[in-house]
ModelCIF file with pLDDT and N, C-alpha, C, O atoms, coordinates in Angstrom:
data_MODEL
#
_entry.id   MODEL 
#
_entity.id                         1 
_entity.type                       polymer 
_entity.pdbx_number_of_molecules   1 
#
_entity_poly.entity_id                      1 
_entity_poly.type                           'polypeptide(L)' 
_entity_poly.nstd_linkage                   no 
_entity_poly.nstd_monomer                   no 
_entity_poly.pdbx_seq_one_letter_code       
;(UNK)(UNK)(UNK)(UNK)(UNK)(UNK)(UNK)(UNK)(UNK)(UNK)(UNK)(UNK)(UNK)(UNK)(UNK)(UNK)
(UNK)(UNK)(UNK)(UNK)(UNK)(UNK)(UNK)(UNK)(UNK)(UNK)(UNK)(UNK)(UNK)(UNK)(UNK)(UNK)
(UNK)(UNK)(UNK)(UNK)(UNK)(UNK)(UNK)(UNK)(UNK)(UNK)(UNK)(UNK)(UNK)(UNK)
;
_entity_poly.pdbx_seq_one_letter_code_can   XXXXXXXXXXXXXXXXXXXXXXXXXXXXXXXXXXXXXXXXXXXXXX 
_entity_poly.pdbx_strand_id                 A 
#
loop_
_entity_poly_seq.entity_id 
_entity_poly_seq.num 
_entity_poly_seq.mon_id 
_entity_poly_seq.hetero 
1 1  UNK n 
1 2  UNK n 
1 3  UNK n 
1 4  UNK n 
1 5  UNK n 
1 6  UNK n 
1 7  UNK n 
1 8  UNK n 
1 9  UNK n 
1 10 UNK n 
1 11 UNK n 
1 12 UNK n 
1 13 UNK n 
1 14 UNK n 
1 15 UNK n 
1 16 UNK n 
1 17 UNK n 
1 18 UNK n 
1 19 UNK n 
1 20 UNK n 
1 21 UNK n 
1 22 UNK n 
1 23 UNK n 
1 24 UNK n 
1 25 UNK n 
1 26 UNK n 
1 27 UNK n 
1 28 UNK n 
1 29 UNK n 
1 30 UNK n 
1 31 UNK n 
1 32 UNK n 
1 33 UNK n 
1 34 UNK n 
1 35 UNK n 
1 36 UNK n 
1 37 UNK n 
1 38 UNK n 
1 39 UNK n 
1 40 UNK n 
1 41 UNK n 
1 42 UNK n 
1 43 UNK n 
1 44 UNK n 
1 45 UNK n 
1 46 UNK n 
#
_struct_asym.id          A 
_struct_asym.entity_id   1 
#
loop_
_ma_qa_metric.id 
_ma_qa_metric.mode 
_ma_qa_metric.name 
_ma_qa_metric.software_group_id 
_ma_qa_metric.type 
1 global pLDDT . pLDDT 
2 local  pLDDT . pLDDT 
#
_ma_qa_metric_global.metric_id      1 
_ma_qa_metric_global.metric_value   91.07 
_ma_qa_metric_global.model_id       1 
_ma_qa_metric_global.ordinal_id     1 
#
loop_
_ma_qa_metric_local.label_asym_id 
_ma_qa_metric_local.label_comp_id 
_ma_qa_metric_local.label_seq_id 
_ma_qa_metric_local.metric_id 
_ma_qa_metric_local.metric_value 
_ma_qa_metric_local.model_id 
_ma_qa_metric_local.ordinal_id 
A UNK 1  2 96.00 1 1  
A UNK 2  2 94.00 1 2  
A UNK 3  2 92.00 1 3  
A UNK 4  2 93.00 1 4  
A UNK 5  2 93.00 1 5  
A UNK 6  2 95.00 1 6  
A UNK 7  2 95.00 1 7  
A UNK 8  2 95.00 1 8  
A UNK 9  2 96.00 1 9  
A UNK 10 2 96.00 1 10 
A UNK 11 2 96.00 1 11 
A UNK 12 2 96.00 1 12 
A UNK 13 2 97.00 1 13 
A UNK 14 2 97.00 1 14 
A UNK 15 2 96.00 1 15 
A UNK 16 2 97.00 1 16 
A UNK 17 2 97.00 1 17 
A UNK 18 2 97.00 1 18 
A UNK 19 2 97.00 1 19 
A UNK 20 2 97.00 1 20 
A UNK 21 2 97.00 1 21 
A UNK 22 2 97.00 1 22 
A UNK 23 2 97.00 1 23 
A UNK 24 2 97.00 1 24 
A UNK 25 2 97.00 1 25 
A UNK 26 2 96.00 1 26 
A UNK 27 2 96.00 1 27 
A UNK 28 2 97.00 1 28 
A UNK 29 2 97.00 1 29 
A UNK 30 2 96.00 1 30 
A UNK 31 2 97.00 1 31 
A UNK 32 2 96.00 1 32 
A UNK 33 2 96.00 1 33 
A UNK 34 2 96.00 1 34 
A UNK 35 2 95.00 1 35 
A UNK 36 2 96.00 1 36 
A UNK 37 2 96.00 1 37 
A UNK 38 2 96.00 1 38 
A UNK 39 2 95.00 1 39 
A UNK 40 2 91.00 1 40 
A UNK 41 2 86.00 1 41 
A UNK 42 2 68.00 1 42 
A UNK 43 2 59.00 1 43 
A UNK 44 2 53.00 1 44 
A UNK 45 2 51.00 1 45 
A UNK 46 2 39.00 1 46 
#
loop_
_atom_site.group_PDB 
_atom_site.id 
_atom_site.type_symbol 
_atom_site.label_atom_id 
_atom_site.label_alt_id 
_atom_site.label_comp_id 
_atom_site.label_asym_id 
_atom_site.label_entity_id 
_atom_site.label_seq_id 
_atom_site.pdbx_PDB_ins_code 
_atom_site.Cartn_x 
_atom_site.Cartn_y 
_atom_site.Cartn_z 
_atom_site.occupancy 
_atom_site.B_iso_or_equiv 
_atom_site.pdbx_formal_charge 
_atom_site.auth_seq_id 
_atom_site.auth_comp_id 
_atom_site.auth_asym_id 
_atom_site.auth_atom_id 
_atom_site.pdbx_PDB_model_num 
ATOM 1   N N  . UNK A 1 1  ? 114.765 86.923  101.401 1.00 96.00 ? 1  UNK A N  1 
ATOM 2   C CA . UNK A 1 1  ? 114.471 87.936  100.402 1.00 96.00 ? 1  UNK A CA 1 
ATOM 3   C C  . UNK A 1 1  ? 113.962 87.261  99.121  1.00 96.00 ? 1  UNK A C  1 
ATOM 4   O O  . UNK A 1 1  ? 114.050 87.830  98.032  1.00 96.00 ? 1  UNK A O  1 
ATOM 5   N N  . UNK A 1 2  ? 113.440 86.067  99.264  1.00 94.00 ? 2  UNK A N  1 
ATOM 6   C CA . UNK A 1 2  ? 112.940 85.306  98.079  1.00 94.00 ? 2  UNK A CA 1 
ATOM 7   C C  . UNK A 1 2  ? 111.803 86.024  97.366  1.00 94.00 ? 2  UNK A C  1 
ATOM 8   O O  . UNK A 1 2  ? 111.643 85.882  96.154  1.00 94.00 ? 2  UNK A O  1 
ATOM 9   N N  . UNK A 1 3  ? 111.009 86.796  98.112  1.00 92.00 ? 3  UNK A N  1 
ATOM 10  C CA . UNK A 1 3  ? 109.880 87.473  97.486  1.00 92.00 ? 3  UNK A CA 1 
ATOM 11  C C  . UNK A 1 3  ? 110.147 88.962  97.299  1.00 92.00 ? 3  UNK A C  1 
ATOM 12  O O  . UNK A 1 3  ? 109.217 89.762  97.189  1.00 92.00 ? 3  UNK A O  1 
ATOM 13  N N  . UNK A 1 4  ? 111.387 89.312  97.264  1.00 93.00 ? 4  UNK A N  1 
ATOM 14  C CA . UNK A 1 4  ? 111.797 90.715  97.062  1.00 93.00 ? 4  UNK A CA 1 
ATOM 15  C C  . UNK A 1 4  ? 112.553 90.829  95.750  1.00 93.00 ? 4  UNK A C  1 
ATOM 16  O O  . UNK A 1 4  ? 113.058 89.837  95.225  1.00 93.00 ? 4  UNK A O  1 
ATOM 17  N N  . UNK A 1 5  ? 112.627 92.039  95.228  1.00 93.00 ? 5  UNK A N  1 
ATOM 18  C CA . UNK A 1 5  ? 113.492 92.316  94.085  1.00 93.00 ? 5  UNK A CA 1 
ATOM 19  C C  . UNK A 1 5  ? 114.758 92.905  94.690  1.00 93.00 ? 5  UNK A C  1 
ATOM 20  O O  . UNK A 1 5  ? 114.720 93.964  95.316  1.00 93.00 ? 5  UNK A O  1 
ATOM 21  N N  . UNK A 1 6  ? 115.875 92.220  94.503  1.00 95.00 ? 6  UNK A N  1 
ATOM 22  C CA . UNK A 1 6  ? 117.129 92.610  95.117  1.00 95.00 ? 6  UNK A CA 1 
ATOM 23  C C  . UNK A 1 6  ? 118.120 93.019  94.063  1.00 95.00 ? 6  UNK A C  1 
ATOM 24  O O  . UNK A 1 6  ? 118.427 92.233  93.167  1.00 95.00 ? 6  UNK A O  1 
ATOM 25  N N  . UNK A 1 7  ? 118.636 94.246  94.148  1.00 95.00 ? 7  UNK A N  1 
ATOM 26  C CA . UNK A 1 7  ? 119.656 94.702  93.214  1.00 95.00 ? 7  UNK A CA 1 
ATOM 27  C C  . UNK A 1 7  ? 120.910 93.870  93.414  1.00 95.00 ? 7  UNK A C  1 
ATOM 28  O O  . UNK A 1 7  ? 121.203 93.460  94.537  1.00 95.00 ? 7  UNK A O  1 
ATOM 29  N N  . UNK A 1 8  ? 121.666 93.609  92.335  1.00 95.00 ? 8  UNK A N  1 
ATOM 30  C CA . UNK A 1 8  ? 122.853 92.765  92.427  1.00 95.00 ? 8  UNK A CA 1 
ATOM 31  C C  . UNK A 1 8  ? 123.830 93.218  93.495  1.00 95.00 ? 8  UNK A C  1 
ATOM 32  O O  . UNK A 1 8  ? 124.339 92.380  94.239  1.00 95.00 ? 8  UNK A O  1 
ATOM 33  N N  . UNK A 1 9  ? 124.114 94.508  93.602  1.00 96.00 ? 9  UNK A N  1 
ATOM 34  C CA . UNK A 1 9  ? 125.077 94.983  94.596  1.00 96.00 ? 9  UNK A CA 1 
ATOM 35  C C  . UNK A 1 9  ? 124.544 94.782  96.000  1.00 96.00 ? 9  UNK A C  1 
ATOM 36  O O  . UNK A 1 9  ? 125.323 94.466  96.899  1.00 96.00 ? 9  UNK A O  1 
ATOM 37  N N  . UNK A 1 10 ? 123.269 94.949  96.224  1.00 96.00 ? 10 UNK A N  1 
ATOM 38  C CA . UNK A 1 10 ? 122.673 94.739  97.529  1.00 96.00 ? 10 UNK A CA 1 
ATOM 39  C C  . UNK A 1 10 ? 122.798 93.246  97.887  1.00 96.00 ? 10 UNK A C  1 
ATOM 40  O O  . UNK A 1 10 ? 123.124 92.921  99.028  1.00 96.00 ? 10 UNK A O  1 
ATOM 41  N N  . UNK A 1 11 ? 122.553 92.368  96.967  1.00 96.00 ? 11 UNK A N  1 
ATOM 42  C CA . UNK A 1 11 ? 122.721 90.923  97.235  1.00 96.00 ? 11 UNK A CA 1 
ATOM 43  C C  . UNK A 1 11 ? 124.149 90.593  97.563  1.00 96.00 ? 11 UNK A C  1 
ATOM 44  O O  . UNK A 1 11 ? 124.419 89.797  98.463  1.00 96.00 ? 11 UNK A O  1 
ATOM 45  N N  . UNK A 1 12 ? 125.049 91.186  96.855  1.00 96.00 ? 12 UNK A N  1 
ATOM 46  C CA . UNK A 1 12 ? 126.499 90.949  97.125  1.00 96.00 ? 12 UNK A CA 1 
ATOM 47  C C  . UNK A 1 12 ? 126.814 91.381  98.554  1.00 96.00 ? 12 UNK A C  1 
ATOM 48  O O  . UNK A 1 12 ? 127.502 90.661  99.277  1.00 96.00 ? 12 UNK A O  1 
ATOM 49  N N  . UNK A 1 13 ? 126.321 92.549  98.971  1.00 97.00 ? 13 UNK A N  1 
ATOM 50  C CA . UNK A 1 13 ? 126.595 93.045  100.320 1.00 97.00 ? 13 UNK A CA 1 
ATOM 51  C C  . UNK A 1 13 ? 126.036 92.115  101.365 1.00 97.00 ? 13 UNK A C  1 
ATOM 52  O O  . UNK A 1 13 ? 126.683 91.866  102.382 1.00 97.00 ? 13 UNK A O  1 
ATOM 53  N N  . UNK A 1 14 ? 124.827 91.587  101.131 1.00 97.00 ? 14 UNK A N  1 
ATOM 54  C CA . UNK A 1 14 ? 124.221 90.646  102.089 1.00 97.00 ? 14 UNK A CA 1 
ATOM 55  C C  . UNK A 1 14 ? 125.049 89.353  102.163 1.00 97.00 ? 14 UNK A C  1 
ATOM 56  O O  . UNK A 1 14 ? 125.256 88.804  103.244 1.00 97.00 ? 14 UNK A O  1 
ATOM 57  N N  . UNK A 1 15 ? 125.507 88.886  101.026 1.00 96.00 ? 15 UNK A N  1 
ATOM 58  C CA . UNK A 1 15 ? 126.342 87.673  101.006 1.00 96.00 ? 15 UNK A CA 1 
ATOM 59  C C  . UNK A 1 15 ? 127.636 87.883  101.810 1.00 96.00 ? 15 UNK A C  1 
ATOM 60  O O  . UNK A 1 15 ? 128.077 86.989  102.532 1.00 96.00 ? 15 UNK A O  1 
ATOM 61  N N  . UNK A 1 16 ? 128.225 89.049  101.679 1.00 97.00 ? 16 UNK A N  1 
ATOM 62  C CA . UNK A 1 16 ? 129.459 89.345  102.425 1.00 97.00 ? 16 UNK A CA 1 
ATOM 63  C C  . UNK A 1 16 ? 129.171 89.312  103.942 1.00 97.00 ? 16 UNK A C  1 
ATOM 64  O O  . UNK A 1 16 ? 129.972 88.784  104.713 1.00 97.00 ? 16 UNK A O  1 
ATOM 65  N N  . UNK A 1 17 ? 128.055 89.865  104.352 1.00 97.00 ? 17 UNK A N  1 
ATOM 66  C CA . UNK A 1 17 ? 127.699 89.814  105.787 1.00 97.00 ? 17 UNK A CA 1 
ATOM 67  C C  . UNK A 1 17 ? 127.532 88.370  106.245 1.00 97.00 ? 17 UNK A C  1 
ATOM 68  O O  . UNK A 1 17 ? 127.991 87.992  107.323 1.00 97.00 ? 17 UNK A O  1 
ATOM 69  N N  . UNK A 1 18 ? 126.877 87.577  105.424 1.00 97.00 ? 18 UNK A N  1 
ATOM 70  C CA . UNK A 1 18 ? 126.673 86.176  105.760 1.00 97.00 ? 18 UNK A CA 1 
ATOM 71  C C  . UNK A 1 18 ? 128.012 85.439  105.870 1.00 97.00 ? 18 UNK A C  1 
ATOM 72  O O  . UNK A 1 18 ? 128.204 84.638  106.785 1.00 97.00 ? 18 UNK A O  1 
ATOM 73  N N  . UNK A 1 19 ? 128.915 85.701  104.962 1.00 97.00 ? 19 UNK A N  1 
ATOM 74  C CA . UNK A 1 19 ? 130.217 85.013  104.940 1.00 97.00 ? 19 UNK A CA 1 
ATOM 75  C C  . UNK A 1 19 ? 131.132 85.463  106.093 1.00 97.00 ? 19 UNK A C  1 
ATOM 76  O O  . UNK A 1 19 ? 131.845 84.643  106.672 1.00 97.00 ? 19 UNK A O  1 
ATOM 77  N N  . UNK A 1 20 ? 131.111 86.747  106.421 1.00 97.00 ? 20 UNK A N  1 
ATOM 78  C CA . UNK A 1 20 ? 132.015 87.257  107.465 1.00 97.00 ? 20 UNK A CA 1 
ATOM 79  C C  . UNK A 1 20 ? 131.405 87.189  108.845 1.00 97.00 ? 20 UNK A C  1 
ATOM 80  O O  . UNK A 1 20 ? 132.119 87.374  109.830 1.00 97.00 ? 20 UNK A O  1 
ATOM 81  N N  . UNK A 1 21 ? 130.121 86.933  108.958 1.00 97.00 ? 21 UNK A N  1 
ATOM 82  C CA . UNK A 1 21 ? 129.375 86.893  110.249 1.00 97.00 ? 21 UNK A CA 1 
ATOM 83  C C  . UNK A 1 21 ? 129.361 88.234  110.948 1.00 97.00 ? 21 UNK A C  1 
ATOM 84  O O  . UNK A 1 21 ? 129.297 88.300  112.175 1.00 97.00 ? 21 UNK A O  1 
ATOM 85  N N  . UNK A 1 22 ? 129.420 89.300  110.175 1.00 97.00 ? 22 UNK A N  1 
ATOM 86  C CA . UNK A 1 22 ? 129.368 90.667  110.750 1.00 97.00 ? 22 UNK A CA 1 
ATOM 87  C C  . UNK A 1 22 ? 128.571 91.577  109.846 1.00 97.00 ? 22 UNK A C  1 
ATOM 88  O O  . UNK A 1 22 ? 128.587 91.432  108.623 1.00 97.00 ? 22 UNK A O  1 
ATOM 89  N N  . UNK A 1 23 ? 127.881 92.505  110.451 1.00 97.00 ? 23 UNK A N  1 
ATOM 90  C CA . UNK A 1 23 ? 127.184 93.553  109.702 1.00 97.00 ? 23 UNK A CA 1 
ATOM 91  C C  . UNK A 1 23 ? 128.209 94.651  109.387 1.00 97.00 ? 23 UNK A C  1 
ATOM 92  O O  . UNK A 1 23 ? 129.285 94.674  109.985 1.00 97.00 ? 23 UNK A O  1 
ATOM 93  N N  . UNK A 1 24 ? 127.891 95.552  108.465 1.00 97.00 ? 24 UNK A N  1 
ATOM 94  C CA . UNK A 1 24 ? 128.847 96.632  108.152 1.00 97.00 ? 24 UNK A CA 1 
ATOM 95  C C  . UNK A 1 24 ? 129.185 97.425  109.429 1.00 97.00 ? 24 UNK A C  1 
ATOM 96  O O  . UNK A 1 24 ? 128.341 97.572  110.313 1.00 97.00 ? 24 UNK A O  1 
ATOM 97  N N  . UNK A 1 25 ? 130.385 97.916  109.513 1.00 97.00 ? 25 UNK A N  1 
ATOM 98  C CA . UNK A 1 25 ? 130.878 98.655  110.680 1.00 97.00 ? 25 UNK A CA 1 
ATOM 99  C C  . UNK A 1 25 ? 130.025 99.893  110.962 1.00 97.00 ? 25 UNK A C  1 
ATOM 100 O O  . UNK A 1 25 ? 129.830 100.249 112.124 1.00 97.00 ? 25 UNK A O  1 
ATOM 101 N N  . UNK A 1 26 ? 129.518 100.549 109.931 1.00 96.00 ? 26 UNK A N  1 
ATOM 102 C CA . UNK A 1 26 ? 128.679 101.760 110.142 1.00 96.00 ? 26 UNK A CA 1 
ATOM 103 C C  . UNK A 1 26 ? 127.403 101.408 110.841 1.00 96.00 ? 26 UNK A C  1 
ATOM 104 O O  . UNK A 1 26 ? 126.808 102.261 111.500 1.00 96.00 ? 26 UNK A O  1 
ATOM 105 N N  . UNK A 1 27 ? 126.947 100.142 110.719 1.00 96.00 ? 27 UNK A N  1 
ATOM 106 C CA . UNK A 1 27 ? 125.693 99.695  111.348 1.00 96.00 ? 27 UNK A CA 1 
ATOM 107 C C  . UNK A 1 27 ? 126.025 99.119  112.741 1.00 96.00 ? 27 UNK A C  1 
ATOM 108 O O  . UNK A 1 27 ? 125.296 99.383  113.697 1.00 96.00 ? 27 UNK A O  1 
ATOM 109 N N  . UNK A 1 28 ? 127.087 98.355  112.866 1.00 97.00 ? 28 UNK A N  1 
ATOM 110 C CA . UNK A 1 28 ? 127.475 97.705  114.113 1.00 97.00 ? 28 UNK A CA 1 
ATOM 111 C C  . UNK A 1 28 ? 128.957 97.968  114.382 1.00 97.00 ? 28 UNK A C  1 
ATOM 112 O O  . UNK A 1 28 ? 129.807 97.140  114.054 1.00 97.00 ? 28 UNK A O  1 
ATOM 113 N N  . UNK A 1 29 ? 129.266 99.129  114.982 1.00 97.00 ? 29 UNK A N  1 
ATOM 114 C CA . UNK A 1 29 ? 130.667 99.451  115.266 1.00 97.00 ? 29 UNK A CA 1 
ATOM 115 C C  . UNK A 1 29 ? 131.391 98.429  116.150 1.00 97.00 ? 29 UNK A C  1 
ATOM 116 O O  . UNK A 1 29 ? 132.608 98.275  116.051 1.00 97.00 ? 29 UNK A O  1 
ATOM 117 N N  . UNK A 1 30 ? 130.651 97.741  117.003 1.00 96.00 ? 30 UNK A N  1 
ATOM 118 C CA . UNK A 1 30 ? 131.270 96.701  117.872 1.00 96.00 ? 30 UNK A CA 1 
ATOM 119 C C  . UNK A 1 30 ? 131.555 95.406  117.125 1.00 96.00 ? 30 UNK A C  1 
ATOM 120 O O  . UNK A 1 30 ? 132.259 94.542  117.647 1.00 96.00 ? 30 UNK A O  1 
ATOM 121 N N  . UNK A 1 31 ? 131.026 95.252  115.919 1.00 97.00 ? 31 UNK A N  1 
ATOM 122 C CA . UNK A 1 31 ? 131.218 94.055  115.114 1.00 97.00 ? 31 UNK A CA 1 
ATOM 123 C C  . UNK A 1 31 ? 130.834 92.765  115.881 1.00 97.00 ? 31 UNK A C  1 
ATOM 124 O O  . UNK A 1 31 ? 131.598 91.801  115.943 1.00 97.00 ? 31 UNK A O  1 
ATOM 125 N N  . UNK A 1 32 ? 129.646 92.795  116.446 1.00 96.00 ? 32 UNK A N  1 
ATOM 126 C CA . UNK A 1 32 ? 129.068 91.631  117.122 1.00 96.00 ? 32 UNK A CA 1 
ATOM 127 C C  . UNK A 1 32 ? 128.912 90.467  116.142 1.00 96.00 ? 32 UNK A C  1 
ATOM 128 O O  . UNK A 1 32 ? 128.478 90.650  115.005 1.00 96.00 ? 32 UNK A O  1 
ATOM 129 N N  . UNK A 1 33 ? 129.267 89.287  116.597 1.00 96.00 ? 33 UNK A N  1 
ATOM 130 C CA . UNK A 1 33 ? 129.103 88.088  115.761 1.00 96.00 ? 33 UNK A CA 1 
ATOM 131 C C  . UNK A 1 33 ? 127.618 87.975  115.344 1.00 96.00 ? 33 UNK A C  1 
ATOM 132 O O  . UNK A 1 33 ? 126.713 88.153  116.159 1.00 96.00 ? 33 UNK A O  1 
ATOM 133 N N  . UNK A 1 34 ? 127.406 87.682  114.082 1.00 96.00 ? 34 UNK A N  1 
ATOM 134 C CA . UNK A 1 34 ? 126.037 87.578  113.545 1.00 96.00 ? 34 UNK A CA 1 
ATOM 135 C C  . UNK A 1 34 ? 125.980 86.388  112.593 1.00 96.00 ? 34 UNK A C  1 
ATOM 136 O O  . UNK A 1 34 ? 126.569 86.420  111.512 1.00 96.00 ? 34 UNK A O  1 
ATOM 137 N N  . UNK A 1 35 ? 125.264 85.333  113.003 1.00 95.00 ? 35 UNK A N  1 
ATOM 138 C CA . UNK A 1 35 ? 125.080 84.156  112.160 1.00 95.00 ? 35 UNK A CA 1 
ATOM 139 C C  . UNK A 1 35 ? 123.881 84.437  111.253 1.00 95.00 ? 35 UNK A C  1 
ATOM 140 O O  . UNK A 1 35 ? 122.733 84.314  111.679 1.00 95.00 ? 35 UNK A O  1 
ATOM 141 N N  . UNK A 1 36 ? 124.145 84.803  110.041 1.00 96.00 ? 36 UNK A N  1 
ATOM 142 C CA . UNK A 1 36 ? 123.128 85.237  109.088 1.00 96.00 ? 36 UNK A CA 1 
ATOM 143 C C  . UNK A 1 36 ? 123.153 84.359  107.848 1.00 96.00 ? 36 UNK A C  1 
ATOM 144 O O  . UNK A 1 36 ? 124.190 84.228  107.197 1.00 96.00 ? 36 UNK A O  1 
ATOM 145 N N  . UNK A 1 37 ? 122.016 83.756  107.518 1.00 96.00 ? 37 UNK A N  1 
ATOM 146 C CA . UNK A 1 37 ? 121.924 83.038  106.259 1.00 96.00 ? 37 UNK A CA 1 
ATOM 147 C C  . UNK A 1 37 ? 120.928 83.789  105.374 1.00 96.00 ? 37 UNK A C  1 
ATOM 148 O O  . UNK A 1 37 ? 119.950 84.359  105.859 1.00 96.00 ? 37 UNK A O  1 
ATOM 149 N N  . UNK A 1 38 ? 121.191 83.777  104.098 1.00 96.00 ? 38 UNK A N  1 
ATOM 150 C CA . UNK A 1 38 ? 120.413 84.533  103.143 1.00 96.00 ? 38 UNK A CA 1 
ATOM 151 C C  . UNK A 1 38 ? 119.646 83.553  102.234 1.00 96.00 ? 38 UNK A C  1 
ATOM 152 O O  . UNK A 1 38 ? 120.240 82.671  101.614 1.00 96.00 ? 38 UNK A O  1 
ATOM 153 N N  . UNK A 1 39 ? 118.309 83.726  102.169 1.00 95.00 ? 39 UNK A N  1 
ATOM 154 C CA . UNK A 1 39 ? 117.511 82.997  101.217 1.00 95.00 ? 39 UNK A CA 1 
ATOM 155 C C  . UNK A 1 39 ? 117.313 83.932  100.031 1.00 95.00 ? 39 UNK A C  1 
ATOM 156 O O  . UNK A 1 39 ? 116.521 84.872  100.112 1.00 95.00 ? 39 UNK A O  1 
ATOM 157 N N  . UNK A 1 40 ? 118.021 83.687  98.933  1.00 91.00 ? 40 UNK A N  1 
ATOM 158 C CA . UNK A 1 40 ? 118.123 84.585  97.813  1.00 91.00 ? 40 UNK A CA 1 
ATOM 159 C C  . UNK A 1 40 ? 116.780 84.640  97.047  1.00 91.00 ? 40 UNK A C  1 
ATOM 160 O O  . UNK A 1 40 ? 115.950 83.738  97.155  1.00 91.00 ? 40 UNK A O  1 
ATOM 161 N N  . UNK A 1 41 ? 116.599 85.718  96.277  1.00 86.00 ? 41 UNK A N  1 
ATOM 162 C CA . UNK A 1 41 ? 115.362 85.888  95.542  1.00 86.00 ? 41 UNK A CA 1 
ATOM 163 C C  . UNK A 1 41 ? 115.138 84.768  94.525  1.00 86.00 ? 41 UNK A C  1 
ATOM 164 O O  . UNK A 1 41 ? 116.082 84.205  93.970  1.00 86.00 ? 41 UNK A O  1 
ATOM 165 N N  . UNK A 1 42 ? 113.864 84.464  94.301  1.00 68.00 ? 42 UNK A N  1 
ATOM 166 C CA . UNK A 1 42 ? 113.497 83.441  93.314  1.00 68.00 ? 42 UNK A CA 1 
ATOM 167 C C  . UNK A 1 42 ? 113.773 83.957  91.939  1.00 68.00 ? 42 UNK A C  1 
ATOM 168 O O  . UNK A 1 42 ? 114.268 83.218  91.088  1.00 68.00 ? 42 UNK A O  1 
ATOM 169 N N  . UNK A 1 43 ? 113.467 85.205  91.697  1.00 59.00 ? 43 UNK A N  1 
ATOM 170 C CA . UNK A 1 43 ? 113.672 85.838  90.376  1.00 59.00 ? 43 UNK A CA 1 
ATOM 171 C C  . UNK A 1 43 ? 114.800 86.841  90.516  1.00 59.00 ? 43 UNK A C  1 
ATOM 172 O O  . UNK A 1 43 ? 114.574 88.027  90.759  1.00 59.00 ? 43 UNK A O  1 
ATOM 173 N N  . UNK A 1 44 ? 115.990 86.358  90.362  1.00 53.00 ? 44 UNK A N  1 
ATOM 174 C CA . UNK A 1 44 ? 117.161 87.226  90.455  1.00 53.00 ? 44 UNK A CA 1 
ATOM 175 C C  . UNK A 1 44 ? 117.427 87.845  89.096  1.00 53.00 ? 44 UNK A C  1 
ATOM 176 O O  . UNK A 1 44 ? 117.108 87.269  88.056  1.00 53.00 ? 44 UNK A O  1 
ATOM 177 N N  . UNK A 1 45 ? 118.014 89.022  89.125  1.00 51.00 ? 45 UNK A N  1 
ATOM 178 C CA . UNK A 1 45 ? 118.438 89.604  87.857  1.00 51.00 ? 45 UNK A CA 1 
ATOM 179 C C  . UNK A 1 45 ? 119.586 88.767  87.322  1.00 51.00 ? 45 UNK A C  1 
ATOM 180 O O  . UNK A 1 45 ? 120.128 87.938  88.053  1.00 51.00 ? 45 UNK A O  1 
ATOM 181 N N  . UNK A 1 46 ? 119.966 88.957  86.083  1.00 39.00 ? 46 UNK A N  1 
ATOM 182 C CA . UNK A 1 46 ? 121.031 88.164  85.513  1.00 39.00 ? 46 UNK A CA 1 
ATOM 183 C C  . UNK A 1 46 ? 122.323 88.262  86.353  1.00 39.00 ? 46 UNK A C  1 
ATOM 184 O O  . UNK A 1 46 ? 123.332 87.646  86.008  1.00 39.00 ? 46 UNK A O  1 
#
């Protein structure tokens, strides 16, 4: 998401998915393991 404008709360949610290795339950009720790394925006808000 380096070339995207990412709202702070959205970035936080993505980081949580990366740290827990799971997508939100409403998206993946089975909680399948997901190895996700985030490339954060170049121009982040404060």
